[in-house]
Amino acid sequence: MQEKVDLLISFVENLNGTLDCLEKSPFSQQLTKACFCLKSHDLIGLDIIKKSIEKNINDQDYTDENFIQIKKQILQLICEIEQDFQKDVIPISTAEDLFLNLSYNKFYDIFSEVYTKDFWGKAPYYRLTKISQAFSIYSEILNYEPFEGVFKWLEKYRPPMEAEISGQLFKFIRNILVHFPFFDNWNEIWISQELVNWKRPNQSIDKFLKKFCGKTKIKYRFKENLQKGFTYVSINFPEKYDNEKIYLKDIICEEEGVKFTLVMMLKVLNTQVESVKNEID
């Protein structure tokens, strides 16, 4: 299936080049977004492409035979990819369906709120409560079996450390927020070897710090829809792990860092979303 997805991306990018020449900018932007989704293993891109083409390409308005042929190839490939995907789908139980619907809907609600200006003007404790909830929901959703395959795919096809960031790092942050819930804002949160191992050593947080302590800083950039250019964020692993305080804000900052983490979470979660319900603008 991956080969077909790669071929589809090639066809869509070819189509996009023609659209740019025709000055069909909004339509072209939708296809660019869809290709980005597919490159991130987010099959919601299939639905974006299909709905965009059905909405914007009328054979009567486009007489170029090559253009029409590319359109047909794209729609045929989407059909084949969806059929291949359905072959591997394991039907979910009623309980799983209930849990996933509640979890996804709440995560999407928090994601939308975090990306508003109003959210960052609210009290630090309110922000921390919502952020903690998002991390907890994400962590619980990852117990859904298909995500094991998603992380194997990330390790194989995505840039180095992306699987570790989307999995182990976010779980590490979630565990700090859950197991040490006595801080009132993001910038106050700290841990140390002594605090982490207050009950017993070699648990999840302890293992993470032992594994990643001293690792090289990782820099990322991501796009916010309402802003020009990119937002930049760094992940700084602790230089040492002992009884000195390690502040969460020094590993990843609050505003840009949380926005980045939710974008990465969304990319992972959307791998299990088959369609887009809302109409594409």
C-alpha atoms as a PDB file:
ATOM      1  CA  MET A   1       0.000   0.000   0.000  1.00  0.00           C
ATOM      2  CA  GLN A   2       2.870   2.381   0.732  1.00  0.00           C
ATOM      3  CA  GLU A   3       3.990   2.213  -2.909  1.00  0.00           C
ATOM      4  CA  LYS A   4       0.503   3.233  -4.048  1.00  0.00           C
ATOM      5  CA  VAL A   5       0.443   6.125  -1.559  1.00  0.00           C
ATOM      6  CA  ASP A   6       3.830   7.343  -2.853  1.00  0.00           C
ATOM      7  CA  LEU A   7       2.545   7.136  -6.436  1.00  0.00           C
ATOM      8  CA  LEU A   8      -0.611   9.027  -5.467  1.00  0.00           C
ATOM      9  CA  ILE A   9       1.450  11.818  -3.911  1.00  0.00           C
ATOM     10  CA  SER A  10       3.459  12.037  -7.141  1.00  0.00           C
ATOM     11  CA  PHE A  11       0.274  12.342  -9.235  1.00  0.00           C
ATOM     12  CA  VAL A  12      -1.230  14.964  -6.928  1.00  0.00           C
ATOM     13  CA  GLU A  13       1.948  17.045  -6.935  1.00  0.00           C
ATOM     14  CA  ASN A  14       1.935  16.842 -10.738  1.00  0.00           C
ATOM     15  CA  LEU A  15      -1.680  18.009 -10.765  1.00  0.00           C
ATOM     16  CA  ASN A  16      -0.779  20.782  -8.360  1.00  0.00           C
ATOM     17  CA  GLY A  17       1.843  22.119 -10.756  1.00  0.00           C
ATOM     18  CA  THR A  18      -0.854  22.528 -13.403  1.00  0.00           C
ATOM     19  CA  LEU A  19      -3.201  24.209 -10.921  1.00  0.00           C
ATOM     20  CA  ASP A  20      -0.499  26.716  -9.980  1.00  0.00           C
ATOM     21  CA  CYS A  21      -0.223  27.669 -13.659  1.00  0.00           C
ATOM     22  CA  LEU A  22      -4.008  28.105 -13.767  1.00  0.00           C
ATOM     23  CA  GLU A  23      -3.841  30.276 -10.607  1.00  0.00           C
ATOM     24  CA  LYS A  24      -6.150  27.947  -8.659  1.00  0.00           C
ATOM     25  CA  SER A  25      -4.464  28.832  -5.375  1.00  0.00           C
ATOM     26  CA  PRO A  26      -7.079  27.773  -2.737  1.00  0.00           C
ATOM     27  CA  PHE A  27      -7.605  24.403  -4.422  1.00  0.00           C
ATOM     28  CA  SER A  28      -3.862  23.930  -4.762  1.00  0.00           C
ATOM     29  CA  GLN A  29      -3.401  24.639  -1.033  1.00  0.00           C
ATOM     30  CA  GLN A  30      -5.887  21.899  -0.150  1.00  0.00           C
ATOM     31  CA  LEU A  31      -3.965  19.379  -2.262  1.00  0.00           C
ATOM     32  CA  THR A  32      -0.669  20.476  -0.707  1.00  0.00           C
ATOM     33  CA  LYS A  33      -2.182  19.935   2.745  1.00  0.00           C
ATOM     34  CA  ALA A  34      -3.433  16.497   1.672  1.00  0.00           C
ATOM     35  CA  CYS A  35       0.044  15.469   0.439  1.00  0.00           C
ATOM     36  CA  PHE A  36       1.517  16.568   3.763  1.00  0.00           C
ATOM     37  CA  CYS A  37      -1.032  14.378   5.552  1.00  0.00           C
ATOM     38  CA  LEU A  38      -0.200  11.354   3.399  1.00  0.00           C
ATOM     39  CA  LYS A  39       3.539  11.829   3.903  1.00  0.00           C
ATOM     40  CA  SER A  40       2.801  11.764   7.644  1.00  0.00           C
ATOM     41  CA  HIS A  41       0.908   8.457   7.297  1.00  0.00           C
ATOM     42  CA  ASP A  42      -2.340  10.356   7.842  1.00  0.00           C
ATOM     43  CA  LEU A  43      -4.869   8.749   5.488  1.00  0.00           C
ATOM     44  CA  ILE A  44      -7.302  11.595   6.050  1.00  0.00           C
ATOM     45  CA  GLY A  45      -5.397  13.067   3.092  1.00  0.00           C
ATOM     46  CA  LEU A  46      -7.262  10.653   0.817  1.00  0.00           C
ATOM     47  CA  ASP A  47     -10.575  12.184   1.778  1.00  0.00           C
ATOM     48  CA  ILE A  48      -9.245  15.726   1.364  1.00  0.00           C
ATOM     49  CA  ILE A  49      -8.009  14.950  -2.164  1.00  0.00           C
ATOM     50  CA  LYS A  50     -11.202  13.190  -3.219  1.00  0.00           C
ATOM     51  CA  LYS A  51     -13.543  15.879  -1.906  1.00  0.00           C
ATOM     52  CA  SER A  52     -11.358  18.671  -3.280  1.00  0.00           C
ATOM     53  CA  ILE A  53     -11.320  17.157  -6.751  1.00  0.00           C
ATOM     54  CA  GLU A  54     -15.058  16.412  -6.737  1.00  0.00           C
ATOM     55  CA  LYS A  55     -15.778  19.967  -5.621  1.00  0.00           C
ATOM     56  CA  ASN A  56     -13.330  21.850  -7.839  1.00  0.00           C
ATOM     57  CA  ILE A  57     -12.686  19.842 -11.004  1.00  0.00           C
ATOM     58  CA  ASN A  58     -15.489  19.676 -13.533  1.00  0.00           C
ATOM     59  CA  ASP A  59     -14.534  17.901 -16.750  1.00  0.00           C
ATOM     60  CA  GLN A  60     -16.472  20.507 -18.722  1.00  0.00           C
ATOM     61  CA  ASP A  61     -14.244  23.292 -17.362  1.00  0.00           C
ATOM     62  CA  TYR A  62     -10.942  21.449 -17.936  1.00  0.00           C
ATOM     63  CA  THR A  63     -10.350  20.390 -21.539  1.00  0.00           C
ATOM     64  CA  ASP A  64      -6.682  19.371 -21.251  1.00  0.00           C
ATOM     65  CA  GLU A  65      -6.640  15.589 -21.823  1.00  0.00           C
ATOM     66  CA  ASN A  66      -3.497  15.078 -19.727  1.00  0.00           C
ATOM     67  CA  PHE A  67      -5.109  16.958 -16.831  1.00  0.00           C
ATOM     68  CA  ILE A  68      -8.276  14.843 -17.022  1.00  0.00           C
ATOM     69  CA  GLN A  69      -6.192  11.655 -17.209  1.00  0.00           C
ATOM     70  CA  ILE A  70      -4.244  12.571 -14.057  1.00  0.00           C
ATOM     71  CA  LYS A  71      -7.542  13.236 -12.294  1.00  0.00           C
ATOM     72  CA  LYS A  72      -8.825   9.761 -13.248  1.00  0.00           C
ATOM     73  CA  GLN A  73      -5.569   8.117 -12.134  1.00  0.00           C
ATOM     74  CA  ILE A  74      -5.738   9.902  -8.791  1.00  0.00           C
ATOM     75  CA  LEU A  75      -9.333   8.854  -8.091  1.00  0.00           C
ATOM     76  CA  GLN A  76      -8.567   5.268  -9.147  1.00  0.00           C
ATOM     77  CA  LEU A  77      -5.526   5.118  -6.862  1.00  0.00           C
ATOM     78  CA  ILE A  78      -7.530   6.485  -3.948  1.00  0.00           C
ATOM     79  CA  CYS A  79     -10.106   3.755  -4.506  1.00  0.00           C
ATOM     80  CA  GLU A  80      -7.407   1.055  -4.570  1.00  0.00           C
ATOM     81  CA  ILE A  81      -5.677   2.404  -1.453  1.00  0.00           C
ATOM     82  CA  GLU A  82      -8.955   2.536   0.449  1.00  0.00           C
ATOM     83  CA  GLN A  83      -9.708  -1.054  -0.567  1.00  0.00           C
ATOM     84  CA  ASP A  84      -6.238  -2.187   0.555  1.00  0.00           C
ATOM     85  CA  PHE A  85      -6.687  -0.335   3.830  1.00  0.00           C
ATOM     86  CA  GLN A  86     -10.073  -1.945   4.478  1.00  0.00           C
ATOM     87  CA  LYS A  87      -8.561  -5.424   4.049  1.00  0.00           C
ATOM     88  CA  ASP A  88      -6.311  -4.763   7.062  1.00  0.00           C
ATOM     89  CA  VAL A  89      -8.956  -3.155   9.237  1.00  0.00           C
ATOM     90  CA  ILE A  90      -9.990  -5.178  12.266  1.00  0.00           C
ATOM     91  CA  PRO A  91     -13.618  -4.395  13.210  1.00  0.00           C
ATOM     92  CA  ILE A  92     -13.797  -2.577  16.511  1.00  0.00           C
ATOM     93  CA  SER A  93     -16.068  -3.587  19.333  1.00  0.00           C
ATOM     94  CA  THR A  94     -18.940  -1.446  20.608  1.00  0.00           C
ATOM     95  CA  ALA A  95     -16.881  -0.602  23.698  1.00  0.00           C
ATOM     96  CA  GLU A  96     -13.869   0.451  21.596  1.00  0.00           C
ATOM     97  CA  ASP A  97     -16.090   2.566  19.368  1.00  0.00           C
ATOM     98  CA  LEU A  98     -17.565   4.332  22.413  1.00  0.00           C
ATOM     99  CA  PHE A  99     -14.162   4.947  23.991  1.00  0.00           C
ATOM    100  CA  LEU A 100     -12.520   6.171  20.787  1.00  0.00           C
ATOM    101  CA  ASN A 101     -15.362   8.527  19.908  1.00  0.00           C
ATOM    102  CA  LEU A 102     -15.345  10.122  23.351  1.00  0.00           C
ATOM    103  CA  SER A 103     -11.551  10.345  23.397  1.00  0.00           C
ATOM    104  CA  TYR A 104     -11.117  11.750  19.905  1.00  0.00           C
ATOM    105  CA  ASN A 105     -13.900  14.305  20.290  1.00  0.00           C
ATOM    106  CA  LYS A 106     -12.483  15.631  23.553  1.00  0.00           C
ATOM    107  CA  PHE A 107      -8.938  15.720  22.173  1.00  0.00           C
ATOM    108  CA  TYR A 108     -10.118  17.680  19.120  1.00  0.00           C
ATOM    109  CA  ASP A 109     -11.966  20.111  21.413  1.00  0.00           C
ATOM    110  CA  ILE A 110      -8.832  20.766  23.482  1.00  0.00           C
ATOM    111  CA  PHE A 111      -6.669  21.018  20.357  1.00  0.00           C
ATOM    112  CA  SER A 112      -8.979  23.694  18.937  1.00  0.00           C
ATOM    113  CA  GLU A 113      -8.993  25.631  22.209  1.00  0.00           C
ATOM    114  CA  VAL A 114      -5.200  25.552  22.584  1.00  0.00           C
ATOM    115  CA  TYR A 115      -4.880  27.129  19.143  1.00  0.00           C
ATOM    116  CA  THR A 116      -6.913  30.201  20.115  1.00  0.00           C
ATOM    117  CA  LYS A 117      -5.447  33.440  21.472  1.00  0.00           C
ATOM    118  CA  ASP A 118      -7.942  33.385  24.328  1.00  0.00           C
ATOM    119  CA  PHE A 119      -6.495  30.151  25.702  1.00  0.00           C
ATOM    120  CA  TRP A 120      -3.075  31.698  26.304  1.00  0.00           C
ATOM    121  CA  GLY A 121      -4.658  34.601  28.150  1.00  0.00           C
ATOM    122  CA  LYS A 122      -6.333  32.314  30.672  1.00  0.00           C
ATOM    123  CA  ALA A 123      -4.933  31.498  34.124  1.00  0.00           C
ATOM    124  CA  PRO A 124      -1.826  29.242  34.126  1.00  0.00           C
ATOM    125  CA  TYR A 125      -3.592  26.620  36.253  1.00  0.00           C
ATOM    126  CA  TYR A 126      -6.502  26.425  33.792  1.00  0.00           C
ATOM    127  CA  ARG A 127      -4.037  25.978  30.911  1.00  0.00           C
ATOM    128  CA  LEU A 128      -2.183  23.251  32.793  1.00  0.00           C
ATOM    129  CA  THR A 129      -5.432  21.406  33.504  1.00  0.00           C
ATOM    130  CA  LYS A 130      -6.380  21.338  29.812  1.00  0.00           C
ATOM    131  CA  ILE A 131      -2.854  20.434  28.700  1.00  0.00           C
ATOM    132  CA  SER A 132      -2.707  17.583  31.234  1.00  0.00           C
ATOM    133  CA  GLN A 133      -6.064  16.325  29.998  1.00  0.00           C
ATOM    134  CA  ALA A 134      -4.841  16.304  26.371  1.00  0.00           C
ATOM    135  CA  PHE A 135      -1.712  14.324  27.287  1.00  0.00           C
ATOM    136  CA  SER A 136      -3.768  11.835  29.303  1.00  0.00           C
ATOM    137  CA  ILE A 137      -6.294  11.310  26.521  1.00  0.00           C
ATOM    138  CA  TYR A 138      -3.523  10.798  23.960  1.00  0.00           C
ATOM    139  CA  SER A 139      -1.761   8.300  26.221  1.00  0.00           C
ATOM    140  CA  GLU A 140      -4.959   6.318  26.759  1.00  0.00           C
ATOM    141  CA  ILE A 141      -5.817   6.251  23.041  1.00  0.00           C
ATOM    142  CA  LEU A 142      -2.397   4.768  22.270  1.00  0.00           C
ATOM    143  CA  ASN A 143      -3.518   1.610  24.074  1.00  0.00           C
ATOM    144  CA  TYR A 144      -5.653   0.946  20.985  1.00  0.00           C
ATOM    145  CA  GLU A 145      -3.791  -1.902  19.254  1.00  0.00           C
ATOM    146  CA  PRO A 146      -3.393  -0.452  15.709  1.00  0.00           C
ATOM    147  CA  PHE A 147      -1.101   2.303  17.010  1.00  0.00           C
ATOM    148  CA  GLU A 148       1.647  -0.258  17.527  1.00  0.00           C
ATOM    149  CA  GLY A 149       1.867  -0.518  13.741  1.00  0.00           C
ATOM    150  CA  VAL A 150       1.788   3.265  13.383  1.00  0.00           C
ATOM    151  CA  PHE A 151       4.926   3.687  15.489  1.00  0.00           C
ATOM    152  CA  LYS A 152       6.706   0.950  13.560  1.00  0.00           C
ATOM    153  CA  TRP A 153       5.881   2.898  10.400  1.00  0.00           C
ATOM    154  CA  LEU A 154       7.170   6.131  11.933  1.00  0.00           C
ATOM    155  CA  GLU A 155      10.448   4.457  12.853  1.00  0.00           C
ATOM    156  CA  LYS A 156      10.868   3.221   9.275  1.00  0.00           C
ATOM    157  CA  TYR A 157       9.665   6.136   7.151  1.00  0.00           C
ATOM    158  CA  ARG A 158       9.805   9.328   9.218  1.00  0.00           C
ATOM    159  CA  PRO A 159      12.854  11.404  10.268  1.00  0.00           C
ATOM    160  CA  PRO A 160      15.035  10.094  13.135  1.00  0.00           C
ATOM    161  CA  MET A 161      13.506  10.441  16.621  1.00  0.00           C
ATOM    162  CA  GLU A 162       9.974  11.254  15.397  1.00  0.00           C
ATOM    163  CA  ALA A 163       8.631   7.933  16.686  1.00  0.00           C
ATOM    164  CA  GLU A 164      10.400   8.449  20.038  1.00  0.00           C
ATOM    165  CA  ILE A 165       9.065  12.004  20.328  1.00  0.00           C
ATOM    166  CA  SER A 166       5.478  11.026  19.448  1.00  0.00           C
ATOM    167  CA  GLY A 167       5.573   8.003  21.743  1.00  0.00           C
ATOM    168  CA  GLN A 168       8.082   7.875  24.568  1.00  0.00           C
ATOM    169  CA  LEU A 169       8.564  11.630  25.153  1.00  0.00           C
ATOM    170  CA  PHE A 170       4.856  12.428  25.234  1.00  0.00           C
ATOM    171  CA  LYS A 171       4.210   9.485  27.555  1.00  0.00           C
ATOM    172  CA  PHE A 172       7.053  10.752  29.779  1.00  0.00           C
ATOM    173  CA  ILE A 173       5.428  14.195  30.011  1.00  0.00           C
ATOM    174  CA  ARG A 174       2.022  12.644  30.647  1.00  0.00           C
ATOM    175  CA  ASN A 175       3.435  10.539  33.479  1.00  0.00           C
ATOM    176  CA  ILE A 176       5.008  13.585  35.120  1.00  0.00           C
ATOM    177  CA  LEU A 177       1.703  15.460  34.928  1.00  0.00           C
ATOM    178  CA  VAL A 178      -0.252  12.510  36.331  1.00  0.00           C
ATOM    179  CA  HIS A 179       2.123  11.208  39.028  1.00  0.00           C
ATOM    180  CA  PHE A 180       3.251  14.597  40.381  1.00  0.00           C
ATOM    181  CA  PRO A 181       0.009  16.637  40.288  1.00  0.00           C
ATOM    182  CA  PHE A 182       1.013  19.179  42.913  1.00  0.00           C
ATOM    183  CA  PHE A 183       2.174  21.994  40.614  1.00  0.00           C
ATOM    184  CA  ASP A 184      -0.038  24.904  39.589  1.00  0.00           C
ATOM    185  CA  ASN A 185       1.515  25.828  36.238  1.00  0.00           C
ATOM    186  CA  TRP A 186       3.807  24.444  33.540  1.00  0.00           C
ATOM    187  CA  ASN A 187       6.838  26.504  34.559  1.00  0.00           C
ATOM    188  CA  GLU A 188       6.754  25.222  38.153  1.00  0.00           C
ATOM    189  CA  ILE A 189       6.939  21.535  37.246  1.00  0.00           C
ATOM    190  CA  TRP A 190      10.178  19.796  38.161  1.00  0.00           C
ATOM    191  CA  ILE A 191      11.457  16.331  38.957  1.00  0.00           C
ATOM    192  CA  SER A 192      14.680  14.800  40.224  1.00  0.00           C
ATOM    193  CA  GLN A 193      16.028  11.282  40.526  1.00  0.00           C
ATOM    194  CA  GLU A 194      15.103  11.214  44.187  1.00  0.00           C
ATOM    195  CA  LEU A 195      11.540  12.384  43.546  1.00  0.00           C
ATOM    196  CA  VAL A 196      11.023  10.098  40.547  1.00  0.00           C
ATOM    197  CA  ASN A 197      12.133   7.048  42.538  1.00  0.00           C
ATOM    198  CA  TRP A 198      10.401   7.943  45.817  1.00  0.00           C
ATOM    199  CA  LYS A 199       8.562   4.608  45.746  1.00  0.00           C
ATOM    200  CA  ARG A 200      10.853   2.396  43.643  1.00  0.00           C
ATOM    201  CA  PRO A 201      13.311   2.853  40.766  1.00  0.00           C
ATOM    202  CA  ASN A 202      13.207   1.638  37.186  1.00  0.00           C
ATOM    203  CA  GLN A 203       9.678   2.797  36.444  1.00  0.00           C
ATOM    204  CA  SER A 204       8.660   4.609  33.241  1.00  0.00           C
ATOM    205  CA  ILE A 205       9.974   8.129  34.033  1.00  0.00           C
ATOM    206  CA  ASP A 206      13.207   6.756  35.464  1.00  0.00           C
ATOM    207  CA  LYS A 207      13.781   4.559  32.391  1.00  0.00           C
ATOM    208  CA  PHE A 208      13.120   7.458  30.015  1.00  0.00           C
ATOM    209  CA  LEU A 209      15.597   9.770  31.722  1.00  0.00           C
ATOM    210  CA  LYS A 210      18.278   7.101  31.882  1.00  0.00           C
ATOM    211  CA  LYS A 211      17.811   6.428  28.158  1.00  0.00           C
ATOM    212  CA  PHE A 212      17.593  10.001  26.855  1.00  0.00           C
ATOM    213  CA  CYS A 213      19.680  11.989  29.322  1.00  0.00           C
ATOM    214  CA  GLY A 214      22.488  13.750  27.446  1.00  0.00           C
ATOM    215  CA  LYS A 215      20.895  13.291  24.001  1.00  0.00           C
ATOM    216  CA  THR A 216      21.387  16.069  21.454  1.00  0.00           C
ATOM    217  CA  LYS A 217      18.845  18.892  21.290  1.00  0.00           C
ATOM    218  CA  ILE A 218      16.166  18.392  18.615  1.00  0.00           C
ATOM    219  CA  LYS A 219      14.762  21.347  16.684  1.00  0.00           C
ATOM    220  CA  TYR A 220      11.404  21.356  14.924  1.00  0.00           C
ATOM    221  CA  ARG A 221       9.286  23.795  13.010  1.00  0.00           C
ATOM    222  CA  PHE A 222       5.564  23.625  12.334  1.00  0.00           C
ATOM    223  CA  LYS A 223       2.913  25.735  10.644  1.00  0.00           C
ATOM    224  CA  GLU A 224       0.098  27.473  12.469  1.00  0.00           C
ATOM    225  CA  ASN A 225      -2.839  28.092  10.142  1.00  0.00           C
ATOM    226  CA  LEU A 226      -3.482  31.669  11.257  1.00  0.00           C
ATOM    227  CA  GLN A 227       0.152  32.796  11.221  1.00  0.00           C
ATOM    228  CA  LYS A 228       2.633  33.522   8.483  1.00  0.00           C
ATOM    229  CA  GLY A 229       5.835  31.526   8.435  1.00  0.00           C
ATOM    230  CA  PHE A 230       6.797  28.751  10.795  1.00  0.00           C
ATOM    231  CA  THR A 231       6.798  28.372  14.570  1.00  0.00           C
ATOM    232  CA  TYR A 232      10.053  26.958  15.919  1.00  0.00           C
ATOM    233  CA  VAL A 233      10.494  24.796  19.000  1.00  0.00           C
ATOM    234  CA  SER A 234      13.371  22.878  20.609  1.00  0.00           C
ATOM    235  CA  ILE A 235      13.358  19.732  22.715  1.00  0.00           C
ATOM    236  CA  ASN A 236      16.219  19.817  25.211  1.00  0.00           C
ATOM    237  CA  PHE A 237      17.031  16.578  26.965  1.00  0.00           C
ATOM    238  CA  PRO A 238      18.573  16.970  30.455  1.00  0.00           C
ATOM    239  CA  GLU A 239      22.370  16.944  30.485  1.00  0.00           C
ATOM    240  CA  LYS A 240      22.392  14.891  33.667  1.00  0.00           C
ATOM    241  CA  TYR A 241      19.965  12.934  35.781  1.00  0.00           C
ATOM    242  CA  ASP A 242      20.655  13.144  39.506  1.00  0.00           C
ATOM    243  CA  ASN A 243      19.114  14.883  42.495  1.00  0.00           C
ATOM    244  CA  GLU A 244      19.196  18.338  40.928  1.00  0.00           C
ATOM    245  CA  LYS A 245      15.847  19.682  39.767  1.00  0.00           C
ATOM    246  CA  ILE A 246      14.941  19.072  36.122  1.00  0.00           C
ATOM    247  CA  TYR A 247      12.307  21.598  35.028  1.00  0.00           C
ATOM    248  CA  LEU A 248       9.793  20.558  32.395  1.00  0.00           C
ATOM    249  CA  LYS A 249       9.948  24.076  30.883  1.00  0.00           C
ATOM    250  CA  ASP A 250      13.646  23.501  30.180  1.00  0.00           C
ATOM    251  CA  ILE A 251      12.853  20.326  28.237  1.00  0.00           C
ATOM    252  CA  ILE A 252      10.073  21.956  26.229  1.00  0.00           C
ATOM    253  CA  CYS A 253       8.522  25.418  26.666  1.00  0.00           C
ATOM    254  CA  GLU A 254       4.828  25.842  27.350  1.00  0.00           C
ATOM    255  CA  GLU A 255       3.109  27.711  24.501  1.00  0.00           C
ATOM    256  CA  GLU A 256       5.127  26.761  21.420  1.00  0.00           C
ATOM    257  CA  GLY A 257       6.000  23.410  22.965  1.00  0.00           C
ATOM    258  CA  VAL A 258       2.425  22.415  23.756  1.00  0.00           C
ATOM    259  CA  LYS A 259       1.197  23.543  20.339  1.00  0.00           C
ATOM    260  CA  PHE A 260       3.927  21.412  18.756  1.00  0.00           C
ATOM    261  CA  THR A 261       3.147  18.351  20.878  1.00  0.00           C
ATOM    262  CA  LEU A 262      -0.545  18.541  20.020  1.00  0.00           C
ATOM    263  CA  VAL A 263       0.258  18.803  16.307  1.00  0.00           C
ATOM    264  CA  MET A 264       2.431  15.699  16.563  1.00  0.00           C
ATOM    265  CA  MET A 265      -0.261  13.892  18.551  1.00  0.00           C
ATOM    266  CA  LEU A 266      -2.862  14.859  15.975  1.00  0.00           C
ATOM    267  CA  LYS A 267      -0.757  13.404  13.158  1.00  0.00           C
ATOM    268  CA  VAL A 268      -0.553  10.091  15.021  1.00  0.00           C
ATOM    269  CA  LEU A 269      -4.235  10.014  16.003  1.00  0.00           C
ATOM    270  CA  ASN A 270      -5.430  10.875  12.501  1.00  0.00           C
ATOM    271  CA  THR A 271      -3.848   7.717  11.116  1.00  0.00           C
ATOM    272  CA  GLN A 272      -6.949   5.945  12.460  1.00  0.00           C
ATOM    273  CA  VAL A 273      -9.455   8.438  11.048  1.00  0.00           C
ATOM    274  CA  GLU A 274     -10.974   7.213   7.812  1.00  0.00           C
ATOM    275  CA  SER A 275     -12.914  10.269   6.628  1.00  0.00           C
ATOM    276  CA  VAL A 276     -13.598  13.956   7.130  1.00  0.00           C
ATOM    277  CA  LYS A 277     -17.192  14.762   8.025  1.00  0.00           C
ATOM    278  CA  ASN A 278     -17.044  18.531   7.503  1.00  0.00           C
ATOM    279  CA  GLU A 279     -17.127  20.048   4.057  1.00  0.00           C
ATOM    280  CA  ILE A 280     -13.817  21.371   2.762  1.00  0.00           C
ATOM    281  CA  ASP A 281     -13.818  25.159   2.378  1.00  0.00           C
END
